[in-house]
Amino acid sequence: MSDTPVSEMSFEDAMRALEDVVNRLEAGDVPLEDSIKLYERGAELKAHCQKKLAEAEEKVAQITLDKDGQPTGTAPVHPQ
């Protein structure tokens, strides 16, 4: 298990780490205390991935299109 703080991971790194956690838990050969730590790490990784996806969706939602459907720039998601 990586010691890298989840908050510093890219989406791709967090997904790989989450897949590793799931694989280790599914294997069933991890002692109970380690399983609990893995589960907690997995929950943190899942939340981080969801946050990164939400941020990406927000950026995509900001893209504005012209009358021909071509990107013209970005617009604030939350106009002030």
N, C-alpha and C. Protein backbone atom coordinates (compact mmCIF):
# COMPACT_ATOMS: atom_id res chain seq x y z
N MET A 1 0.86 -1.17 0.00
CA MET A 1 0.00 0.00 0.00
C MET A 1 0.90 1.23 0.00
N SER A 2 0.61 2.18 -0.86
CA SER A 2 1.39 3.40 -1.00
C SER A 2 1.18 4.31 0.20
N ASP A 3 2.24 5.02 0.55
CA ASP A 3 2.14 5.99 1.64
C ASP A 3 1.79 7.38 1.13
N THR A 4 1.61 7.51 -0.18
CA THR A 4 1.26 8.80 -0.77
C THR A 4 -0.09 9.25 -0.24
N PRO A 5 -0.17 10.49 0.28
CA PRO A 5 -1.46 10.99 0.73
C PRO A 5 -2.46 10.99 -0.44
N VAL A 6 -3.65 10.55 -0.18
CA VAL A 6 -4.67 10.45 -1.23
C VAL A 6 -4.91 11.81 -1.87
N SER A 7 -4.91 12.86 -1.08
CA SER A 7 -5.19 14.20 -1.61
C SER A 7 -4.15 14.66 -2.64
N GLU A 8 -2.98 14.03 -2.66
CA GLU A 8 -1.93 14.40 -3.61
C GLU A 8 -1.93 13.51 -4.85
N MET A 9 -2.80 12.53 -4.91
CA MET A 9 -2.82 11.58 -6.03
C MET A 9 -3.61 12.13 -7.21
N SER A 10 -3.15 11.77 -8.40
CA SER A 10 -3.94 12.06 -9.60
C SER A 10 -5.11 11.09 -9.61
N PHE A 11 -6.08 11.36 -10.46
CA PHE A 11 -7.22 10.46 -10.58
C PHE A 11 -6.75 9.06 -10.97
N GLU A 12 -5.83 9.00 -11.93
CA GLU A 12 -5.37 7.70 -12.42
C GLU A 12 -4.62 6.91 -11.34
N ASP A 13 -3.78 7.61 -10.58
CA ASP A 13 -3.06 6.93 -9.50
C ASP A 13 -4.01 6.44 -8.42
N ALA A 14 -5.01 7.26 -8.10
CA ALA A 14 -5.98 6.87 -7.09
C ALA A 14 -6.81 5.67 -7.56
N MET A 15 -7.16 5.64 -8.83
CA MET A 15 -7.91 4.50 -9.36
C MET A 15 -7.09 3.22 -9.29
N ARG A 16 -5.81 3.31 -9.66
CA ARG A 16 -4.95 2.13 -9.57
C ARG A 16 -4.82 1.65 -8.13
N ALA A 17 -4.65 2.59 -7.21
CA ALA A 17 -4.54 2.23 -5.79
C ALA A 17 -5.84 1.61 -5.30
N LEU A 18 -6.98 2.14 -5.74
CA LEU A 18 -8.27 1.59 -5.34
C LEU A 18 -8.44 0.18 -5.89
N GLU A 19 -8.05 -0.03 -7.13
CA GLU A 19 -8.11 -1.38 -7.71
C GLU A 19 -7.25 -2.36 -6.92
N ASP A 20 -6.07 -1.90 -6.49
CA ASP A 20 -5.19 -2.75 -5.68
C ASP A 20 -5.85 -3.10 -4.35
N VAL A 21 -6.47 -2.11 -3.72
CA VAL A 21 -7.16 -2.35 -2.45
C VAL A 21 -8.27 -3.38 -2.64
N VAL A 22 -9.07 -3.20 -3.66
CA VAL A 22 -10.18 -4.13 -3.92
C VAL A 22 -9.65 -5.54 -4.18
N ASN A 23 -8.62 -5.65 -4.99
CA ASN A 23 -8.04 -6.97 -5.28
C ASN A 23 -7.53 -7.64 -4.01
N ARG A 24 -6.86 -6.88 -3.16
CA ARG A 24 -6.33 -7.46 -1.93
C ARG A 24 -7.45 -7.90 -0.99
N LEU A 25 -8.50 -7.08 -0.90
CA LEU A 25 -9.63 -7.44 -0.04
C LEU A 25 -10.37 -8.66 -0.59
N GLU A 26 -10.54 -8.72 -1.91
CA GLU A 26 -11.23 -9.86 -2.52
C GLU A 26 -10.44 -11.15 -2.38
N ALA A 27 -9.12 -11.06 -2.34
CA ALA A 27 -8.29 -12.25 -2.19
C ALA A 27 -8.55 -12.95 -0.86
N GLY A 28 -8.92 -12.16 0.15
CA GLY A 28 -9.30 -12.73 1.43
C GLY A 28 -8.15 -13.25 2.27
N ASP A 29 -6.91 -12.93 1.91
CA ASP A 29 -5.79 -13.44 2.68
C ASP A 29 -5.10 -12.36 3.52
N VAL A 30 -5.83 -11.29 3.80
CA VAL A 30 -5.30 -10.18 4.59
C VAL A 30 -5.85 -10.30 6.01
N PRO A 31 -4.98 -10.17 7.02
CA PRO A 31 -5.46 -10.21 8.40
C PRO A 31 -6.53 -9.15 8.65
N LEU A 32 -7.39 -9.39 9.61
CA LEU A 32 -8.53 -8.52 9.89
C LEU A 32 -8.12 -7.06 10.09
N GLU A 33 -7.13 -6.80 10.92
CA GLU A 33 -6.71 -5.42 11.17
C GLU A 33 -6.24 -4.74 9.88
N ASP A 34 -5.51 -5.46 9.05
CA ASP A 34 -5.06 -4.91 7.78
C ASP A 34 -6.24 -4.71 6.83
N SER A 35 -7.22 -5.59 6.90
CA SER A 35 -8.42 -5.45 6.06
C SER A 35 -9.16 -4.17 6.41
N ILE A 36 -9.24 -3.87 7.69
CA ILE A 36 -9.92 -2.65 8.12
C ILE A 36 -9.18 -1.42 7.59
N LYS A 37 -7.84 -1.43 7.69
CA LYS A 37 -7.05 -0.31 7.17
C LYS A 37 -7.20 -0.19 5.66
N LEU A 38 -7.21 -1.32 4.97
CA LEU A 38 -7.41 -1.31 3.52
C LEU A 38 -8.77 -0.75 3.15
N TYR A 39 -9.79 -1.18 3.88
CA TYR A 39 -11.15 -0.69 3.62
C TYR A 39 -11.21 0.83 3.80
N GLU A 40 -10.61 1.32 4.87
CA GLU A 40 -10.61 2.76 5.13
C GLU A 40 -9.86 3.50 4.02
N ARG A 41 -8.74 2.97 3.60
CA ARG A 41 -7.97 3.57 2.50
C ARG A 41 -8.80 3.56 1.22
N GLY A 42 -9.48 2.45 0.97
CA GLY A 42 -10.33 2.34 -0.21
C GLY A 42 -11.45 3.37 -0.21
N ALA A 43 -12.06 3.58 0.96
CA ALA A 43 -13.14 4.58 1.05
C ALA A 43 -12.60 5.98 0.77
N GLU A 44 -11.41 6.27 1.26
CA GLU A 44 -10.79 7.56 1.01
C GLU A 44 -10.44 7.73 -0.47
N LEU A 45 -9.92 6.67 -1.07
CA LEU A 45 -9.59 6.70 -2.49
C LEU A 45 -10.84 6.89 -3.35
N LYS A 46 -11.91 6.20 -3.00
CA LYS A 46 -13.18 6.32 -3.74
C LYS A 46 -13.70 7.76 -3.69
N ALA A 47 -13.68 8.35 -2.50
CA ALA A 47 -14.16 9.72 -2.35
C ALA A 47 -13.29 10.68 -3.17
N HIS A 48 -11.99 10.45 -3.18
CA HIS A 48 -11.08 11.31 -3.95
C HIS A 48 -11.37 11.19 -5.44
N CYS A 49 -11.57 9.97 -5.92
CA CYS A 49 -11.90 9.77 -7.34
C CYS A 49 -13.21 10.44 -7.71
N GLN A 50 -14.21 10.33 -6.85
CA GLN A 50 -15.49 10.98 -7.11
C GLN A 50 -15.33 12.49 -7.19
N LYS A 51 -14.51 13.05 -6.30
CA LYS A 51 -14.27 14.49 -6.30
C LYS A 51 -13.58 14.91 -7.60
N LYS A 52 -12.56 14.15 -8.00
CA LYS A 52 -11.85 14.47 -9.24
C LYS A 52 -12.78 14.40 -10.45
N LEU A 53 -13.66 13.41 -10.49
CA LEU A 53 -14.62 13.30 -11.59
C LEU A 53 -15.59 14.48 -11.60
N ALA A 54 -16.06 14.87 -10.43
CA ALA A 54 -16.98 16.01 -10.34
C ALA A 54 -16.29 17.28 -10.84
N GLU A 55 -15.02 17.46 -10.49
CA GLU A 55 -14.28 18.63 -10.96
C GLU A 55 -14.14 18.61 -12.48
N ALA A 56 -13.87 17.44 -13.03
CA ALA A 56 -13.74 17.32 -14.49
C ALA A 56 -15.08 17.61 -15.17
N GLU A 57 -16.17 17.10 -14.61
CA GLU A 57 -17.49 17.35 -15.19
C GLU A 57 -17.82 18.83 -15.16
N GLU A 58 -17.42 19.50 -14.09
CA GLU A 58 -17.68 20.94 -13.99
C GLU A 58 -16.91 21.70 -15.06
N LYS A 59 -15.67 21.29 -15.31
CA LYS A 59 -14.87 21.95 -16.36
C LYS A 59 -15.50 21.74 -17.73
N VAL A 60 -15.97 20.53 -17.99
CA VAL A 60 -16.62 20.24 -19.27
C VAL A 60 -17.90 21.06 -19.40
N ALA A 61 -18.64 21.21 -18.32
CA ALA A 61 -19.88 21.97 -18.36
C ALA A 61 -19.63 23.44 -18.66
N GLN A 62 -18.43 23.91 -18.42
CA GLN A 62 -18.11 25.32 -18.65
C GLN A 62 -17.82 25.63 -20.12
N ILE A 63 -17.60 24.62 -20.93
CA ILE A 63 -17.26 24.85 -22.34
C ILE A 63 -18.48 25.41 -23.07
N THR A 64 -18.26 26.52 -23.77
CA THR A 64 -19.36 27.11 -24.54
C THR A 64 -19.16 26.79 -26.02
N LEU A 65 -20.27 26.68 -26.72
CA LEU A 65 -20.24 26.34 -28.15
C LEU A 65 -20.85 27.47 -28.96
N ASP A 66 -20.37 27.60 -30.21
CA ASP A 66 -20.98 28.58 -31.11
C ASP A 66 -22.17 27.94 -31.82
N LYS A 67 -22.78 28.66 -32.75
CA LYS A 67 -23.99 28.17 -33.43
C LYS A 67 -23.74 26.89 -34.23
N ASP A 68 -22.47 26.63 -34.58
CA ASP A 68 -22.13 25.42 -35.33
C ASP A 68 -21.69 24.28 -34.41
N GLY A 69 -21.75 24.52 -33.10
CA GLY A 69 -21.38 23.48 -32.15
C GLY A 69 -19.89 23.39 -31.88
N GLN A 70 -19.14 24.42 -32.31
CA GLN A 70 -17.71 24.42 -32.08
C GLN A 70 -17.39 25.12 -30.76
N PRO A 71 -16.43 24.59 -30.01
CA PRO A 71 -16.05 25.24 -28.75
C PRO A 71 -15.54 26.66 -28.99
N THR A 72 -16.01 27.60 -28.20
CA THR A 72 -15.59 29.00 -28.33
C THR A 72 -14.89 29.51 -27.08
N GLY A 73 -14.91 28.78 -26.03
CA GLY A 73 -14.29 29.23 -24.79
C GLY A 73 -15.00 28.58 -23.62
N THR A 74 -14.87 29.22 -22.50
CA THR A 74 -15.52 28.69 -21.31
C THR A 74 -16.36 29.77 -20.67
N ALA A 75 -17.34 29.34 -19.93
CA ALA A 75 -18.21 30.25 -19.19
C ALA A 75 -18.25 29.78 -17.75
N PRO A 76 -18.39 30.70 -16.82
CA PRO A 76 -18.45 30.27 -15.41
C PRO A 76 -19.67 29.38 -15.17
N VAL A 77 -19.45 28.33 -14.41
CA VAL A 77 -20.55 27.43 -14.06
C VAL A 77 -21.50 28.13 -13.11
N HIS A 78 -20.94 28.91 -12.21
CA HIS A 78 -21.74 29.63 -11.21
C HIS A 78 -21.57 31.12 -11.44
N PRO A 79 -22.35 31.69 -12.38
CA PRO A 79 -22.21 33.12 -12.66
C PRO A 79 -22.45 33.95 -11.40
N GLN A 80 -21.66 35.02 -11.28
CA GLN A 80 -21.80 35.86 -10.09
C GLN A 80 -22.54 37.13 -10.42
